C-alpha atoms as a PDB file:
ATOM      1  CA  MET A   1      -0.210   0.058  -0.297  1.00  0.00           C
ATOM      2  CA  ASN A   2       1.152   3.637  -0.902  1.00  0.00           C
ATOM      3  CA  VAL A   3       1.076   5.178   2.597  1.00  0.00           C
ATOM      4  CA  ASP A   4       1.073   8.920   1.045  1.00  0.00           C
ATOM      5  CA  GLN A   5      -1.634   8.510  -0.874  1.00  0.00           C
ATOM      6  CA  ASN A   6      -3.848   5.965   1.281  1.00  0.00           C
ATOM      7  CA  ILE A   7      -3.729   3.799  -2.499  1.00  0.00           C
ATOM      8  CA  LEU A   8      -3.648  -0.064  -1.812  1.00  0.00           C
ATOM      9  CA  LYS A   9      -2.921  -2.163  -5.077  1.00  0.00           C
ATOM     10  CA  VAL A  10      -4.820  -5.404  -5.304  1.00  0.00           C
ATOM     11  CA  LYS A  11      -5.097  -8.371  -7.754  1.00  0.00           C
ATOM     12  CA  ILE A  12      -8.151 -10.048  -9.116  1.00  0.00           C
ATOM     13  CA  MET A  13      -7.472 -12.330 -11.885  1.00  0.00           C
ATOM     14  CA  ASP A  14      -4.138 -11.643 -12.477  1.00  0.00           C
ATOM     15  CA  VAL A  15      -4.833  -7.575 -12.939  1.00  0.00           C
ATOM     16  CA  GLU A  16      -3.446  -5.410 -10.518  1.00  0.00           C
ATOM     17  CA  TYR A  17      -6.536  -2.340  -9.412  1.00  0.00           C
ATOM     18  CA  PRO A  18      -5.249   0.507  -7.283  1.00  0.00           C
ATOM     19  CA  LEU A  19      -7.388   1.267  -4.326  1.00  0.00           C
ATOM     20  CA  LYS A  20      -8.328   4.503  -2.597  1.00  0.00           C
ATOM     21  CA  VAL A  21      -8.452   3.005   1.031  1.00  0.00           C
ATOM     22  CA  ASN A  22      -8.661   5.219   4.139  1.00  0.00           C
ATOM     23  CA  GLU A  23      -9.501   2.506   6.897  1.00  0.00           C
ATOM     24  CA  ASP A  24      -9.362  -1.286   6.926  1.00  0.00           C
ATOM     25  CA  VAL A  25      -6.716  -2.550   4.552  1.00  0.00           C
ATOM     26  CA  GLU A  26      -7.211  -5.974   5.547  1.00  0.00           C
ATOM     27  CA  TYR A  27     -11.231  -6.063   5.027  1.00  0.00           C
ATOM     28  CA  ILE A  28     -10.707  -4.643   1.664  1.00  0.00           C
ATOM     29  CA  GLN A  29      -7.653  -7.411   0.725  1.00  0.00           C
ATOM     30  CA  LYS A  30     -10.376 -10.149   1.879  1.00  0.00           C
ATOM     31  CA  VAL A  31     -13.276  -8.454  -0.563  1.00  0.00           C
ATOM     32  CA  ALA A  32     -10.280  -8.505  -3.554  1.00  0.00           C
ATOM     33  CA  SER A  33      -9.491 -11.861  -2.680  1.00  0.00           C
ATOM     34  CA  PHE A  34     -13.352 -13.044  -2.616  1.00  0.00           C
ATOM     35  CA  VAL A  35     -14.238 -11.280  -6.001  1.00  0.00           C
ATOM     36  CA  ASP A  36     -11.086 -12.893  -7.493  1.00  0.00           C
ATOM     37  CA  ARG A  37     -12.184 -16.448  -6.184  1.00  0.00           C
ATOM     38  CA  LYS A  38     -15.558 -15.930  -7.463  1.00  0.00           C
ATOM     39  CA  MET A  39     -14.276 -14.940 -10.596  1.00  0.00           C
ATOM     40  CA  ARG A  40     -11.883 -17.906 -10.765  1.00  0.00           C
ATOM     41  CA  GLU A  41     -14.751 -20.383 -10.134  1.00  0.00           C
ATOM     42  CA  ILE A  42     -16.846 -19.241 -13.071  1.00  0.00           C
ATOM     43  CA  GLN A  43     -13.909 -19.522 -15.143  1.00  0.00           C
ATOM     44  CA  SER A  44     -12.908 -22.861 -14.237  1.00  0.00           C
ATOM     45  CA  ALA A  45     -16.476 -24.034 -15.276  1.00  0.00           C
ATOM     46  CA  LYS A  46     -16.297 -22.076 -18.230  1.00  0.00           C
ATOM     47  CA  PRO A  47     -12.744 -21.033 -19.366  1.00  0.00           C
ATOM     48  CA  GLU A  48     -13.796 -19.939 -22.867  1.00  0.00           C
ATOM     49  CA  ARG A  49     -15.990 -17.192 -21.840  1.00  0.00           C
ATOM     50  CA  PRO A  50     -14.272 -13.819 -22.238  1.00  0.00           C
ATOM     51  CA  MET A  51     -13.458 -11.511 -19.296  1.00  0.00           C
ATOM     52  CA  HIS A  52     -16.398  -9.207 -18.803  1.00  0.00           C
ATOM     53  CA  GLN A  53     -18.619 -12.203 -19.056  1.00  0.00           C
ATOM     54  CA  ILE A  54     -16.901 -13.872 -15.960  1.00  0.00           C
ATOM     55  CA  ALA A  55     -17.162 -10.832 -14.377  1.00  0.00           C
ATOM     56  CA  ILE A  56     -20.778  -9.600 -15.067  1.00  0.00           C
ATOM     57  CA  LEU A  57     -21.555 -13.446 -13.666  1.00  0.00           C
ATOM     58  CA  ALA A  58     -19.271 -13.147 -10.565  1.00  0.00           C
ATOM     59  CA  CYS A  59     -21.241  -9.970  -9.710  1.00  0.00           C
ATOM     60  CA  LEU A  60     -24.512 -11.545 -10.498  1.00  0.00           C
ATOM     61  CA  ASN A  61     -23.504 -14.752  -7.948  1.00  0.00           C
ATOM     62  CA  ILE A  62     -22.059 -12.364  -5.205  1.00  0.00           C
ATOM     63  CA  ALA A  63     -25.532 -10.257  -5.184  1.00  0.00           C
ATOM     64  CA  ASP A  64     -27.358 -13.608  -5.206  1.00  0.00           C
ATOM     65  CA  GLU A  65     -25.533 -14.652  -2.007  1.00  0.00           C
ATOM     66  CA  LEU A  66     -25.994 -11.091  -0.618  1.00  0.00           C
ATOM     67  CA  HIS A  67     -29.549 -10.868  -1.588  1.00  0.00           C
ATOM     68  CA  GLN A  68     -30.154 -14.574   0.183  1.00  0.00           C
ATOM     69  CA  ALA A  69     -28.234 -13.720   3.146  1.00  0.00           C
ATOM     70  CA  LEU A  70     -30.284 -10.663   3.844  1.00  0.00           C
ATOM     71  CA  ASN A  71     -33.759 -12.670   3.430  1.00  0.00           C
ATOM     72  CA  SER A  72     -32.071 -15.031   6.066  1.00  0.00           C
ATOM     73  CA  ASP A  73     -31.331 -12.940   8.278  1.00  0.00           C
ATOM     74  CA  GLY A  74     -34.542 -11.216   8.158  1.00  0.00           C
ATOM     75  CA  GLU A  75     -36.387 -14.501   8.358  1.00  0.00           C
ATOM     76  CA  GLN A  76     -33.855 -15.323  11.316  1.00  0.00           C
ATOM     77  CA  MET A  77     -34.778 -11.545  13.057  1.00  0.00           C
ATOM     78  CA  LYS A  78     -38.580 -12.647  12.829  1.00  0.00           C
ATOM     79  CA  ASN A  79     -38.355 -15.583  14.388  1.00  0.00           C
ATOM     80  CA  TYR A  80     -36.098 -14.362  17.369  1.00  0.00           C
ATOM     81  CA  THR A  81     -39.042 -11.572  17.719  1.00  0.00           C
ATOM     82  CA  ASP A  82     -41.672 -14.456  17.371  1.00  0.00           C
ATOM     83  CA  ARG A  83     -39.849 -15.619  20.366  1.00  0.00           C
ATOM     84  CA  ILE A  84     -39.248 -13.210  22.048  1.00  0.00           C
ATOM     85  CA  ASP A  85     -43.018 -12.236  22.243  1.00  0.00           C
ATOM     86  CA  GLN A  86     -44.153 -15.941  23.197  1.00  0.00           C
ATOM     87  CA  ILE A  87     -41.763 -15.562  25.766  1.00  0.00           C
ATOM     88  CA  THR A  88     -42.904 -12.282  26.528  1.00  0.00           C
ATOM     89  CA  ASN A  89     -46.284 -13.334  27.055  1.00  0.00           C
ATOM     90  CA  LYS A  90     -45.673 -15.934  29.338  1.00  0.00           C
ATOM     91  CA  LEU A  91     -43.784 -13.474  31.580  1.00  0.00           C
ATOM     92  CA  GLU A  92     -46.956 -11.380  31.995  1.00  0.00           C
ATOM     93  CA  LEU A  93     -49.066 -14.349  32.177  1.00  0.00           C
ATOM     94  CA  GLY A  94     -46.783 -15.425  35.182  1.00  0.00           C
ATOM     95  CA  ILE A  95     -46.772 -12.053  36.454  1.00  0.00           C
ATOM     96  CA  GLN A  96     -50.672 -11.921  36.304  1.00  0.00           C
ATOM     97  CA  LYS A  97     -50.875 -14.617  38.162  1.00  0.00           C
ATOM     98  CA  SER A  98     -48.459 -13.778  40.689  1.00  0.00           C
ATOM     99  CA  LEU A  99     -50.336 -10.923  41.508  1.00  0.00           C
ATOM    100  CA  GLU A 100     -53.749 -13.227  41.634  1.00  0.00           C
ATOM    101  CA  ASP A 101     -52.110 -15.103  44.010  1.00  0.00           C
ATOM    102  CA  ASP A 102     -50.832 -12.305  46.235  1.00  0.00           C
ATOM    103  CA  ASP A 103     -54.370 -10.935  46.373  1.00  0.00           C
ATOM    104  CA  GLN A 104     -55.582 -14.361  47.364  1.00  0.00           C
ATOM    105  CA  LEU A 105     -53.011 -14.485  49.859  1.00  0.00           C
ATOM    106  CA  THR A 106     -53.624 -10.897  51.529  1.00  0.00           C
ATOM    107  CA  LYS A 107     -57.896 -12.171  51.515  1.00  0.00           C
ATOM    108  CA  PHE A 108     -56.642 -15.285  53.422  1.00  0.00           C
ATOM    109  CA  GLU A 109     -54.407 -13.220  55.559  1.00  0.00           C
ATOM    110  CA  SER A 110     -57.433 -10.546  56.085  1.00  0.00           C
ATOM    111  CA  ASP A 111     -59.697 -13.434  56.939  1.00  0.00           C
ATOM    112  CA  LYS A 112     -57.672 -15.346  59.343  1.00  0.00           C
ATOM    113  CA  ASN A 113     -56.813 -11.881  61.307  1.00  0.00           C
ATOM    114  CA  ILE A 114     -60.620 -11.518  61.508  1.00  0.00           C
ATOM    115  CA  LEU A 115     -61.061 -15.261  62.730  1.00  0.00           C
ATOM    116  CA  GLU A 116     -58.349 -14.797  65.311  1.00  0.00           C
END
């Protein structure tokens, strides 16, 4: 990385790309490595494809993975929310029952004092 200009050179499909980086260099390197790996997977399956088609297919695959992950996270969040609601309802019922039991106990204590 060129520290003076915050330029990081990453290699994707054996081509160097200079990227301006302000923060996490390691993260940018991981992202570039991920893109390189995706493009190489596509190239190995269809080596005769031109590079621009490989790039577009890699983008589509990455976008698909992102979309699936976002949907999965949303469904998982809904499951967590539903479970929290169930637990909250059970706690509310338990608290209400406890208050009713306390009221009965108080009434019993009062009746007991009257009889004594």
